[in-house]
C-alpha cells in the first residue's frame, strides 16, 4: 500500500511533467490556429483518432465517426464568407502496396453552413456494399482551401466505423479524459475522485 507521502511525491512529479508539457502544446496549437484563416468544426459526435492514409502511406490524425458526419467552417475574419472544399476517398488499390485519391465532390461552402461529409447517394451506396466501414483500407479527406486562389489548404481526415466500435472508442476516450482530469486535479492539489 502506498503512503500519503509517496502519493504526494507522485502528484508533484506529475505536476512538473504536465506543467512543462501542456504549455508547449497549447502554444503550438494556438499558433497553428492563428495561421489558418478557416477551420473545420465538427457538428456530429466524433472520437479523436488516427487513420492510415493510403494515398500518402502515412498515419494521420482523424475524426472517427459512425455516420455521415456533419461539420461547418468557421473563420476569424469577417472578410471570408466562403471556402472551396474537396472531399476525397483515399483507398488502397487491390493487391497493390499503394493507394489512390479519388475525388468525391468539390463545392464552395459558406462559412457557418452545416454540410455532410458524403453526398447521400454515395453514403447509402457504401453502406449497402459494406465498404463504408472498411476502416483499414480507406479513409476520407476533406481538403479546405484557405485562399481564393486555392493554393493553400488544410486536410482534415475522417474514418467511419460501425456503431459498436464507435461506442467502444467513445467510452475509451471518455475514460482517458476522466483519468487525465483526475491527474490534473491531483497535481494541482485538488480533491482526488476515486471509484
N, C-alpha and C. Protein backbone atom coordinates (compact mmCIF):
# COMPACT_ATOMS: atom_id res chain seq x y z
N UNK A 1 0.85 -1.17 0.00
CA UNK A 1 0.00 0.00 0.00
C UNK A 1 0.89 1.24 0.00
N UNK A 2 0.49 2.21 -0.83
CA UNK A 2 1.28 3.42 -0.95
C UNK A 2 0.99 4.38 0.20
N UNK A 3 2.03 5.02 0.68
CA UNK A 3 1.84 6.00 1.75
C UNK A 3 1.37 7.32 1.16
N UNK A 4 0.85 8.19 2.00
CA UNK A 4 0.40 9.52 1.59
C UNK A 4 1.57 10.32 1.05
N UNK A 5 2.74 10.15 1.67
CA UNK A 5 3.93 10.87 1.23
C UNK A 5 4.32 10.45 -0.19
N UNK A 6 4.24 9.15 -0.51
CA UNK A 6 4.55 8.65 -1.84
C UNK A 6 3.56 9.19 -2.86
N UNK A 7 2.27 9.22 -2.50
CA UNK A 7 1.25 9.74 -3.40
C UNK A 7 1.47 11.22 -3.69
N UNK A 8 1.84 12.00 -2.66
CA UNK A 8 2.08 13.43 -2.86
C UNK A 8 3.30 13.64 -3.75
N UNK A 9 4.33 12.82 -3.56
CA UNK A 9 5.52 12.91 -4.39
C UNK A 9 5.17 12.59 -5.85
N UNK A 10 4.36 11.56 -6.05
CA UNK A 10 3.91 11.20 -7.41
C UNK A 10 3.10 12.32 -8.04
N UNK A 11 2.23 12.95 -7.25
CA UNK A 11 1.43 14.06 -7.76
C UNK A 11 2.32 15.24 -8.12
N UNK A 12 3.34 15.50 -7.30
CA UNK A 12 4.25 16.61 -7.56
C UNK A 12 5.03 16.36 -8.85
N UNK A 13 5.52 15.13 -9.03
CA UNK A 13 6.24 14.80 -10.25
C UNK A 13 5.32 14.91 -11.47
N UNK A 14 4.08 14.45 -11.33
CA UNK A 14 3.12 14.57 -12.42
C UNK A 14 2.88 16.04 -12.76
N UNK A 15 2.77 16.86 -11.74
CA UNK A 15 2.54 18.30 -11.96
C UNK A 15 3.72 18.92 -12.71
N UNK A 16 4.93 18.51 -12.35
CA UNK A 16 6.10 19.05 -13.03
C UNK A 16 6.11 18.62 -14.49
N UNK A 17 5.80 17.36 -14.74
CA UNK A 17 5.79 16.86 -16.11
C UNK A 17 4.68 17.52 -16.90
N UNK A 18 3.48 17.57 -16.33
CA UNK A 18 2.34 18.18 -17.02
C UNK A 18 2.54 19.67 -17.20
N UNK A 19 3.11 20.31 -16.21
CA UNK A 19 3.32 21.75 -16.28
C UNK A 19 4.29 22.15 -17.36
N UNK A 20 5.23 21.29 -17.68
CA UNK A 20 6.17 21.63 -18.75
C UNK A 20 5.66 21.18 -20.10
N UNK A 21 4.83 20.14 -20.15
CA UNK A 21 4.39 19.64 -21.45
C UNK A 21 3.20 20.42 -22.00
N UNK A 22 2.20 20.73 -21.19
CA UNK A 22 0.98 21.34 -21.70
C UNK A 22 1.16 22.74 -22.26
N UNK A 23 1.93 23.64 -21.61
CA UNK A 23 2.07 24.97 -22.21
C UNK A 23 2.70 24.92 -23.60
N UNK A 24 3.64 24.04 -23.82
CA UNK A 24 4.27 23.95 -25.15
C UNK A 24 3.25 23.49 -26.18
N UNK A 25 2.41 22.52 -25.81
CA UNK A 25 1.40 22.04 -26.74
C UNK A 25 0.38 23.14 -27.00
N UNK A 26 -0.02 23.87 -25.97
CA UNK A 26 -1.02 24.92 -26.13
C UNK A 26 -0.50 26.02 -27.06
N UNK A 27 0.76 26.40 -26.91
CA UNK A 27 1.34 27.43 -27.77
C UNK A 27 1.38 26.95 -29.22
N UNK A 28 1.75 25.71 -29.43
CA UNK A 28 1.82 25.18 -30.79
C UNK A 28 0.43 25.17 -31.42
N UNK A 29 -0.57 24.74 -30.68
CA UNK A 29 -1.91 24.65 -31.22
C UNK A 29 -2.45 26.03 -31.56
N UNK A 30 -2.32 26.98 -30.66
CA UNK A 30 -2.86 28.31 -30.91
C UNK A 30 -2.10 29.00 -32.03
N UNK A 31 -0.80 28.75 -32.15
CA UNK A 31 -0.03 29.33 -33.24
C UNK A 31 -0.50 28.78 -34.58
N UNK A 32 -0.78 27.48 -34.61
CA UNK A 32 -1.26 26.86 -35.85
C UNK A 32 -2.64 27.41 -36.21
N UNK A 33 -3.52 27.56 -35.20
CA UNK A 33 -4.85 28.09 -35.47
C UNK A 33 -4.77 29.54 -35.95
N UNK A 34 -3.85 30.30 -35.43
CA UNK A 34 -3.72 31.70 -35.84
C UNK A 34 -3.30 31.80 -37.30
N UNK A 35 -2.56 30.81 -37.81
CA UNK A 35 -2.10 30.83 -39.19
C UNK A 35 -3.21 30.48 -40.18
N UNK A 36 -4.17 29.69 -39.79
CA UNK A 36 -5.22 29.25 -40.70
C UNK A 36 -6.43 30.17 -40.58
N UNK A 37 -6.79 30.87 -41.66
CA UNK A 37 -7.92 31.78 -41.59
C UNK A 37 -9.28 31.07 -41.53
N UNK A 38 -9.29 29.77 -41.89
CA UNK A 38 -10.53 28.98 -41.91
C UNK A 38 -10.26 27.67 -41.19
N UNK A 39 -11.24 27.19 -40.43
CA UNK A 39 -11.08 25.88 -39.79
C UNK A 39 -12.37 25.11 -39.86
N UNK A 40 -12.25 23.79 -39.88
CA UNK A 40 -13.39 22.90 -39.91
C UNK A 40 -13.79 22.59 -38.47
N UNK A 41 -15.10 22.66 -38.18
CA UNK A 41 -15.62 22.39 -36.84
C UNK A 41 -16.68 21.31 -36.96
N UNK A 42 -16.55 20.27 -36.14
CA UNK A 42 -17.48 19.15 -36.19
C UNK A 42 -18.80 19.49 -35.52
N UNK A 43 -19.91 19.09 -36.16
CA UNK A 43 -21.24 19.22 -35.59
C UNK A 43 -21.74 17.87 -35.08
N UNK A 44 -21.19 16.78 -35.58
CA UNK A 44 -21.58 15.42 -35.18
C UNK A 44 -20.65 14.92 -34.08
N UNK A 45 -21.11 13.87 -33.38
CA UNK A 45 -20.25 13.21 -32.39
C UNK A 45 -19.07 12.58 -33.10
N UNK A 46 -17.91 12.64 -32.46
CA UNK A 46 -16.71 12.06 -33.03
C UNK A 46 -15.77 11.66 -31.91
N UNK A 47 -14.79 10.85 -32.28
CA UNK A 47 -13.71 10.45 -31.39
C UNK A 47 -12.41 10.89 -32.07
N UNK A 48 -11.51 11.46 -31.29
CA UNK A 48 -10.18 11.78 -31.83
C UNK A 48 -9.44 10.47 -32.05
N UNK A 49 -8.92 10.29 -33.24
CA UNK A 49 -8.22 9.05 -33.53
C UNK A 49 -7.23 9.23 -34.65
N UNK A 50 -6.88 8.13 -35.29
CA UNK A 50 -5.94 8.13 -36.40
C UNK A 50 -6.44 7.20 -37.48
N UNK A 51 -6.06 7.49 -38.71
CA UNK A 51 -6.36 6.61 -39.83
C UNK A 51 -5.09 6.38 -40.63
N UNK A 52 -5.06 5.27 -41.35
CA UNK A 52 -3.99 5.03 -42.32
C UNK A 52 -4.43 5.70 -43.61
N UNK A 53 -3.62 6.60 -44.13
CA UNK A 53 -3.94 7.27 -45.39
C UNK A 53 -3.25 6.54 -46.52
N UNK A 54 -3.99 5.77 -47.33
CA UNK A 54 -3.37 5.01 -48.41
C UNK A 54 -2.68 5.90 -49.46
N UNK A 55 -3.19 7.11 -49.68
CA UNK A 55 -2.62 7.98 -50.71
C UNK A 55 -1.21 8.44 -50.36
N UNK A 56 -0.97 8.75 -49.09
CA UNK A 56 0.36 9.21 -48.67
C UNK A 56 1.16 8.11 -47.96
N UNK A 57 0.48 7.01 -47.62
CA UNK A 57 1.07 5.91 -46.86
C UNK A 57 1.56 6.37 -45.49
N UNK A 58 0.83 7.31 -44.89
CA UNK A 58 1.15 7.81 -43.56
C UNK A 58 -0.06 7.68 -42.65
N UNK A 59 0.21 7.68 -41.35
CA UNK A 59 -0.87 7.71 -40.37
C UNK A 59 -1.22 9.17 -40.12
N UNK A 60 -2.52 9.47 -40.09
CA UNK A 60 -2.98 10.85 -39.92
C UNK A 60 -3.94 10.96 -38.75
N UNK A 61 -3.88 12.08 -38.04
CA UNK A 61 -4.89 12.36 -37.03
C UNK A 61 -6.22 12.50 -37.75
N UNK A 62 -7.29 12.00 -37.11
CA UNK A 62 -8.57 11.99 -37.81
C UNK A 62 -9.74 12.09 -36.84
N UNK A 63 -10.85 12.50 -37.40
CA UNK A 63 -12.13 12.42 -36.71
C UNK A 63 -12.69 11.04 -37.01
N UNK A 64 -12.99 10.26 -35.98
CA UNK A 64 -13.61 8.96 -36.18
C UNK A 64 -15.09 9.12 -35.88
N UNK A 65 -15.93 8.75 -36.86
CA UNK A 65 -17.38 8.93 -36.75
C UNK A 65 -18.08 7.62 -37.07
N UNK A 66 -19.39 7.57 -36.81
CA UNK A 66 -20.13 6.34 -37.10
C UNK A 66 -21.29 6.60 -38.05
N UNK A 67 -21.30 7.77 -38.66
CA UNK A 67 -22.39 8.10 -39.57
C UNK A 67 -21.89 9.09 -40.61
N UNK A 68 -22.81 9.66 -41.36
CA UNK A 68 -22.45 10.67 -42.35
C UNK A 68 -22.26 12.00 -41.62
N UNK A 69 -21.10 12.17 -41.08
CA UNK A 69 -20.79 13.28 -40.17
C UNK A 69 -21.14 14.63 -40.78
N UNK A 70 -21.54 15.55 -39.90
CA UNK A 70 -21.81 16.92 -40.30
C UNK A 70 -20.77 17.83 -39.69
N UNK A 71 -20.40 18.87 -40.44
CA UNK A 71 -19.42 19.85 -39.99
C UNK A 71 -19.76 21.20 -40.60
N UNK A 72 -19.10 22.23 -40.12
CA UNK A 72 -19.20 23.55 -40.74
C UNK A 72 -17.83 24.21 -40.70
N UNK A 73 -17.69 25.26 -41.45
CA UNK A 73 -16.44 26.02 -41.48
C UNK A 73 -16.61 27.30 -40.68
N UNK A 74 -15.56 27.68 -40.00
CA UNK A 74 -15.55 28.94 -39.26
C UNK A 74 -14.35 29.76 -39.70
N UNK A 75 -14.47 31.08 -39.58
CA UNK A 75 -13.38 31.96 -39.91
C UNK A 75 -13.32 33.10 -38.90
N UNK A 76 -12.12 33.46 -38.50
CA UNK A 76 -11.93 34.58 -37.58
C UNK A 76 -12.04 35.91 -38.32
N UNK A 77 -11.96 35.86 -39.63
CA UNK A 77 -12.01 37.09 -40.45
C UNK A 77 -13.40 37.30 -41.01
N UNK A 78 -13.94 38.49 -40.84
CA UNK A 78 -15.26 38.82 -41.40
C UNK A 78 -15.17 38.99 -42.91
N UNK A 79 -13.96 39.09 -43.46
CA UNK A 79 -13.78 39.22 -44.91
C UNK A 79 -13.99 37.90 -45.65
N UNK A 80 -13.95 36.79 -44.92
CA UNK A 80 -14.09 35.47 -45.55
C UNK A 80 -15.51 34.97 -45.34
N UNK A 81 -16.24 34.79 -46.45
CA UNK A 81 -17.63 34.35 -46.35
C UNK A 81 -17.84 32.94 -46.87
N UNK A 82 -16.85 32.39 -47.58
CA UNK A 82 -16.98 31.05 -48.12
C UNK A 82 -15.60 30.48 -48.42
N UNK A 83 -15.57 29.16 -48.66
CA UNK A 83 -14.31 28.49 -48.98
C UNK A 83 -14.59 27.29 -49.87
N UNK A 84 -13.64 26.98 -50.74
CA UNK A 84 -13.75 25.79 -51.58
C UNK A 84 -13.33 24.58 -50.77
N UNK A 85 -14.06 23.49 -50.96
CA UNK A 85 -13.81 22.25 -50.24
C UNK A 85 -13.87 21.09 -51.23
N UNK A 86 -12.92 20.18 -51.12
CA UNK A 86 -12.95 18.94 -51.90
C UNK A 86 -12.95 17.77 -50.92
N UNK A 87 -13.85 16.82 -51.15
CA UNK A 87 -13.88 15.60 -50.35
C UNK A 87 -13.31 14.47 -51.19
N UNK A 88 -12.29 13.79 -50.64
CA UNK A 88 -11.64 12.67 -51.32
C UNK A 88 -11.88 11.38 -50.53
N UNK A 89 -11.87 10.28 -51.25
CA UNK A 89 -11.79 8.96 -50.62
C UNK A 89 -10.41 8.43 -51.00
N UNK A 90 -9.56 8.21 -50.01
CA UNK A 90 -8.22 7.67 -50.23
C UNK A 90 -8.29 6.17 -49.98
N UNK A 91 -7.97 5.39 -51.02
CA UNK A 91 -8.19 3.95 -50.99
C UNK A 91 -6.97 3.19 -51.50
N UNK A 92 -6.67 2.04 -50.86
CA UNK A 92 -5.64 1.16 -51.38
C UNK A 92 -6.14 0.51 -52.67
N UNK A 93 -5.23 0.34 -53.62
CA UNK A 93 -5.53 -0.37 -54.85
C UNK A 93 -5.44 -1.86 -54.54
N UNK A 94 -6.45 -2.64 -54.94
CA UNK A 94 -6.48 -4.08 -54.66
C UNK A 94 -5.20 -4.76 -55.11
N UNK A 95 -4.58 -5.51 -54.19
CA UNK A 95 -3.40 -6.29 -54.50
C UNK A 95 -2.12 -5.47 -54.65
N UNK A 96 -2.18 -4.19 -54.38
CA UNK A 96 -1.01 -3.32 -54.54
C UNK A 96 -0.65 -2.69 -53.19
N UNK A 97 0.58 -2.20 -53.11
CA UNK A 97 1.03 -1.55 -51.88
C UNK A 97 1.02 -0.03 -52.03
N UNK A 98 -0.01 0.49 -52.66
CA UNK A 98 -0.15 1.94 -52.78
C UNK A 98 -1.63 2.28 -52.86
N UNK A 99 -1.93 3.54 -52.67
CA UNK A 99 -3.31 3.99 -52.69
C UNK A 99 -3.51 5.12 -53.68
N UNK A 100 -4.77 5.40 -53.91
CA UNK A 100 -5.14 6.49 -54.81
C UNK A 100 -6.10 7.44 -54.08
N UNK A 101 -6.11 8.66 -54.56
CA UNK A 101 -7.01 9.68 -54.02
C UNK A 101 -8.10 9.91 -55.06
N UNK A 102 -9.34 9.54 -54.72
CA UNK A 102 -10.48 9.71 -55.62
C UNK A 102 -11.34 10.88 -55.15
N UNK A 103 -11.53 11.85 -56.03
CA UNK A 103 -12.36 12.99 -55.66
C UNK A 103 -13.83 12.60 -55.68
N UNK A 104 -14.51 12.86 -54.58
CA UNK A 104 -15.94 12.56 -54.47
C UNK A 104 -16.76 13.78 -54.88
N UNK A 105 -16.42 14.92 -54.32
CA UNK A 105 -17.19 16.14 -54.60
C UNK A 105 -16.32 17.37 -54.33
N UNK A 106 -16.55 18.39 -55.13
CA UNK A 106 -15.93 19.71 -54.89
C UNK A 106 -17.07 20.72 -54.83
N UNK A 107 -17.03 21.57 -53.81
CA UNK A 107 -18.06 22.59 -53.69
C UNK A 107 -17.55 23.78 -52.92
N UNK A 108 -18.29 24.85 -53.01
CA UNK A 108 -17.99 26.05 -52.24
C UNK A 108 -18.97 26.10 -51.07
N UNK A 109 -18.43 26.16 -49.86
CA UNK A 109 -19.26 26.20 -48.65
C UNK A 109 -19.24 27.59 -48.05
N UNK A 110 -20.40 28.04 -47.63
CA UNK A 110 -20.48 29.30 -46.91
C UNK A 110 -20.04 29.08 -45.47
N UNK A 111 -19.37 30.05 -44.91
CA UNK A 111 -18.93 29.98 -43.52
C UNK A 111 -20.16 29.80 -42.63
N UNK A 112 -20.07 28.88 -41.67
CA UNK A 112 -21.09 28.56 -40.68
C UNK A 112 -22.27 27.73 -41.20
N UNK A 113 -22.29 27.37 -42.50
CA UNK A 113 -23.34 26.50 -43.01
C UNK A 113 -22.93 25.04 -42.81
N UNK A 114 -23.84 24.24 -42.25
CA UNK A 114 -23.54 22.84 -41.97
C UNK A 114 -23.55 22.02 -43.27
N UNK A 115 -22.65 21.04 -43.32
CA UNK A 115 -22.50 20.20 -44.51
C UNK A 115 -22.23 18.76 -44.08
N UNK A 116 -22.70 17.79 -44.88
CA UNK A 116 -22.40 16.38 -44.61
C UNK A 116 -21.09 15.99 -45.28
N UNK A 117 -20.41 15.01 -44.67
CA UNK A 117 -19.15 14.51 -45.22
C UNK A 117 -19.34 13.98 -46.63
N UNK A 118 -20.32 13.11 -46.83
CA UNK A 118 -20.54 12.47 -48.13
C UNK A 118 -21.93 12.81 -48.68
N UNK A 119 -22.06 12.91 -49.99
CA UNK A 119 -23.40 13.04 -50.57
C UNK A 119 -24.23 11.81 -50.19
N UNK A 120 -25.53 11.99 -50.00
CA UNK A 120 -26.41 10.91 -49.54
C UNK A 120 -26.31 9.65 -50.41
N UNK A 121 -26.28 9.81 -51.75
CA UNK A 121 -26.26 8.63 -52.63
C UNK A 121 -24.98 7.82 -52.45
N UNK A 122 -23.85 8.49 -52.25
CA UNK A 122 -22.58 7.77 -52.04
C UNK A 122 -22.58 7.11 -50.67
N UNK A 123 -23.06 7.82 -49.66
CA UNK A 123 -23.12 7.25 -48.31
C UNK A 123 -23.97 5.98 -48.31
N UNK A 124 -25.15 6.04 -48.91
CA UNK A 124 -26.06 4.89 -48.93
C UNK A 124 -25.46 3.74 -49.74
N UNK A 125 -24.79 4.04 -50.85
CA UNK A 125 -24.17 3.00 -51.67
C UNK A 125 -23.05 2.29 -50.90
N UNK A 126 -22.19 3.07 -50.23
CA UNK A 126 -21.09 2.48 -49.46
C UNK A 126 -21.61 1.70 -48.25
N UNK A 127 -22.68 2.19 -47.65
CA UNK A 127 -23.30 1.48 -46.53
C UNK A 127 -23.87 0.16 -47.01
N UNK A 128 -24.50 0.16 -48.19
CA UNK A 128 -25.11 -1.04 -48.75
C UNK A 128 -24.11 -2.11 -49.12
N UNK A 129 -22.97 -1.72 -49.69
CA UNK A 129 -22.00 -2.74 -50.12
C UNK A 129 -20.95 -3.06 -49.04
N UNK A 130 -21.03 -2.41 -47.88
CA UNK A 130 -20.14 -2.71 -46.77
C UNK A 130 -18.80 -1.98 -46.81
N UNK A 131 -18.55 -1.21 -47.86
CA UNK A 131 -17.25 -0.54 -47.96
C UNK A 131 -17.13 0.68 -47.04
N UNK A 132 -18.25 1.16 -46.53
CA UNK A 132 -18.24 2.34 -45.67
C UNK A 132 -17.37 2.13 -44.43
N UNK A 133 -17.43 0.92 -43.88
CA UNK A 133 -16.70 0.64 -42.64
C UNK A 133 -15.34 -0.04 -42.88
N UNK A 134 -14.85 -0.02 -44.10
CA UNK A 134 -13.55 -0.64 -44.41
C UNK A 134 -12.44 0.30 -43.93
N UNK A 135 -12.39 0.46 -42.64
CA UNK A 135 -11.52 1.42 -41.96
C UNK A 135 -10.04 1.20 -42.24
N UNK A 136 -9.64 -0.05 -42.47
CA UNK A 136 -8.23 -0.39 -42.67
C UNK A 136 -7.74 0.04 -44.06
N UNK A 137 -8.62 -0.05 -45.06
CA UNK A 137 -8.18 0.16 -46.44
C UNK A 137 -8.53 1.52 -47.04
N UNK A 138 -9.30 2.32 -46.33
CA UNK A 138 -9.56 3.65 -46.87
C UNK A 138 -9.94 4.64 -45.77
N UNK A 139 -9.82 5.91 -46.13
CA UNK A 139 -10.24 6.99 -45.25
C UNK A 139 -10.78 8.11 -46.12
N UNK A 140 -11.36 9.09 -45.49
CA UNK A 140 -11.89 10.25 -46.21
C UNK A 140 -11.07 11.47 -45.83
N UNK A 141 -10.88 12.35 -46.80
CA UNK A 141 -10.06 13.54 -46.63
C UNK A 141 -10.87 14.74 -47.10
N UNK A 142 -11.13 15.68 -46.18
CA UNK A 142 -11.80 16.92 -46.55
C UNK A 142 -10.72 17.99 -46.66
N UNK A 143 -10.50 18.45 -47.87
CA UNK A 143 -9.48 19.48 -48.14
C UNK A 143 -10.17 20.84 -48.17
N UNK A 144 -9.78 21.70 -47.23
CA UNK A 144 -10.36 23.04 -47.13
C UNK A 144 -9.32 24.04 -47.61
N UNK A 145 -9.69 24.80 -48.63
CA UNK A 145 -8.77 25.80 -49.18
C UNK A 145 -8.85 27.09 -48.37
N UNK A 146 -7.68 27.64 -48.09
CA UNK A 146 -7.56 28.81 -47.21
C UNK A 146 -7.55 30.14 -47.96
N UNK A 147 -7.47 30.08 -49.29
CA UNK A 147 -7.41 31.34 -50.05
C UNK A 147 -8.26 31.22 -51.32
N UNK A 148 -8.56 32.36 -51.93
CA UNK A 148 -9.41 32.38 -53.11
C UNK A 148 -8.75 31.72 -54.32
N UNK A 149 -7.44 31.69 -54.36
CA UNK A 149 -6.73 31.09 -55.49
C UNK A 149 -6.60 29.57 -55.36
N UNK A 150 -7.07 29.01 -54.24
CA UNK A 150 -6.98 27.57 -53.98
C UNK A 150 -5.54 27.06 -54.04
N UNK A 151 -4.63 27.82 -53.44
CA UNK A 151 -3.22 27.41 -53.40
C UNK A 151 -2.82 26.86 -52.04
N UNK A 152 -3.44 27.35 -50.97
CA UNK A 152 -3.12 26.88 -49.62
C UNK A 152 -4.33 26.13 -49.08
N UNK A 153 -4.07 24.96 -48.49
CA UNK A 153 -5.18 24.17 -47.97
C UNK A 153 -4.76 23.42 -46.71
N UNK A 154 -5.79 22.93 -46.00
CA UNK A 154 -5.60 22.07 -44.84
C UNK A 154 -6.46 20.84 -45.05
N UNK A 155 -5.89 19.66 -44.82
CA UNK A 155 -6.61 18.40 -44.94
C UNK A 155 -7.12 17.96 -43.57
N UNK A 156 -8.38 17.57 -43.51
CA UNK A 156 -9.00 17.01 -42.31
C UNK A 156 -9.40 15.58 -42.66
N UNK A 157 -8.89 14.62 -41.90
CA UNK A 157 -9.12 13.22 -42.20
C UNK A 157 -10.26 12.65 -41.35
N UNK A 158 -10.98 11.68 -41.95
CA UNK A 158 -12.11 11.03 -41.30
C UNK A 158 -12.01 9.53 -41.49
N UNK A 159 -12.42 8.81 -40.45
CA UNK A 159 -12.60 7.37 -40.54
C UNK A 159 -14.01 7.06 -40.08
N UNK A 160 -14.68 6.14 -40.76
CA UNK A 160 -16.05 5.78 -40.39
C UNK A 160 -16.04 4.34 -39.88
N UNK A 161 -16.60 4.15 -38.70
CA UNK A 161 -16.70 2.82 -38.10
C UNK A 161 -18.16 2.54 -37.75
N UNK A 162 -18.47 1.28 -37.47
CA UNK A 162 -19.85 0.95 -37.12
C UNK A 162 -20.17 1.41 -35.70
N UNK A 163 -21.45 1.37 -35.35
CA UNK A 163 -21.92 1.90 -34.06
C UNK A 163 -21.24 1.24 -32.87
N UNK A 164 -21.04 -0.09 -32.93
CA UNK A 164 -20.44 -0.80 -31.80
C UNK A 164 -19.00 -0.38 -31.56
N UNK A 165 -18.22 -0.30 -32.64
CA UNK A 165 -16.82 0.11 -32.49
C UNK A 165 -16.75 1.56 -32.03
N UNK A 166 -17.64 2.41 -32.59
CA UNK A 166 -17.65 3.81 -32.19
C UNK A 166 -17.95 3.95 -30.69
N UNK A 167 -18.92 3.19 -30.20
CA UNK A 167 -19.28 3.24 -28.77
C UNK A 167 -18.10 2.84 -27.90
N UNK A 168 -17.36 1.80 -28.31
CA UNK A 168 -16.18 1.37 -27.55
C UNK A 168 -15.10 2.45 -27.56
N UNK A 169 -14.88 3.05 -28.73
CA UNK A 169 -13.86 4.09 -28.84
C UNK A 169 -14.24 5.33 -28.02
N UNK A 170 -15.53 5.69 -28.06
CA UNK A 170 -16.00 6.84 -27.30
C UNK A 170 -15.84 6.61 -25.80
N UNK A 171 -16.18 5.40 -25.36
CA UNK A 171 -16.04 5.06 -23.94
C UNK A 171 -14.57 5.13 -23.52
N UNK A 172 -13.68 4.59 -24.34
CA UNK A 172 -12.24 4.63 -24.03
C UNK A 172 -11.73 6.07 -23.98
N UNK A 173 -12.21 6.91 -24.91
CA UNK A 173 -11.78 8.32 -24.91
C UNK A 173 -12.28 9.04 -23.65
N UNK A 174 -13.52 8.78 -23.27
CA UNK A 174 -14.07 9.41 -22.07
C UNK A 174 -13.33 8.97 -20.81
N UNK A 175 -12.98 7.69 -20.73
CA UNK A 175 -12.21 7.19 -19.58
C UNK A 175 -10.83 7.83 -19.53
N UNK A 176 -10.21 7.99 -20.69
CA UNK A 176 -8.89 8.61 -20.76
C UNK A 176 -8.97 10.08 -20.33
N UNK A 177 -10.00 10.79 -20.78
CA UNK A 177 -10.18 12.19 -20.38
C UNK A 177 -10.44 12.31 -18.89
N UNK A 178 -11.24 11.40 -18.34
CA UNK A 178 -11.52 11.43 -16.91
C UNK A 178 -10.25 11.17 -16.11
N UNK A 179 -9.45 10.21 -16.55
CA UNK A 179 -8.19 9.92 -15.86
C UNK A 179 -7.25 11.11 -15.94
N UNK A 180 -7.23 11.78 -17.08
CA UNK A 180 -6.39 12.96 -17.25
C UNK A 180 -6.82 14.07 -16.31
N UNK A 181 -8.14 14.26 -16.17
CA UNK A 181 -8.65 15.29 -15.25
C UNK A 181 -8.30 14.95 -13.80
N UNK A 182 -8.39 13.68 -13.45
CA UNK A 182 -8.02 13.26 -12.09
C UNK A 182 -6.55 13.54 -11.82
N UNK A 183 -5.71 13.25 -12.81
CA UNK A 183 -4.27 13.50 -12.68
C UNK A 183 -4.01 14.99 -12.53
N UNK A 184 -4.69 15.81 -13.34
CA UNK A 184 -4.53 17.26 -13.24
C UNK A 184 -4.99 17.78 -11.89
N UNK A 185 -6.12 17.26 -11.41
CA UNK A 185 -6.65 17.68 -10.12
C UNK A 185 -5.68 17.31 -8.99
N UNK A 186 -5.16 16.08 -9.06
CA UNK A 186 -4.19 15.64 -8.03
C UNK A 186 -2.94 16.49 -8.10
N UNK A 187 -2.51 16.82 -9.31
CA UNK A 187 -1.30 17.61 -9.47
C UNK A 187 -1.47 19.03 -8.94
N UNK A 188 -2.69 19.56 -9.02
CA UNK A 188 -2.93 20.94 -8.57
C UNK A 188 -3.29 20.98 -7.08
N UNK A 189 -3.33 19.82 -6.46
CA UNK A 189 -3.64 19.78 -5.02
C UNK A 189 -5.13 19.72 -4.73
N UNK A 190 -5.94 19.56 -5.80
CA UNK A 190 -7.39 19.48 -5.62
C UNK A 190 -7.80 18.11 -5.13
N UNK A 191 -9.10 17.95 -4.93
CA UNK A 191 -9.61 16.65 -4.44
C UNK A 191 -9.43 15.56 -5.49
N UNK A 192 -9.12 14.39 -5.04
CA UNK A 192 -8.94 13.25 -5.93
C UNK A 192 -10.20 12.41 -5.84
N UNK A 193 -10.79 12.14 -6.99
CA UNK A 193 -12.01 11.34 -7.04
C UNK A 193 -11.62 9.90 -7.31
N UNK A 194 -12.08 9.00 -6.48
CA UNK A 194 -11.80 7.58 -6.68
C UNK A 194 -13.09 6.85 -6.91
N UNK A 195 -12.98 5.73 -7.61
CA UNK A 195 -14.18 4.93 -7.92
C UNK A 195 -14.23 3.72 -7.05
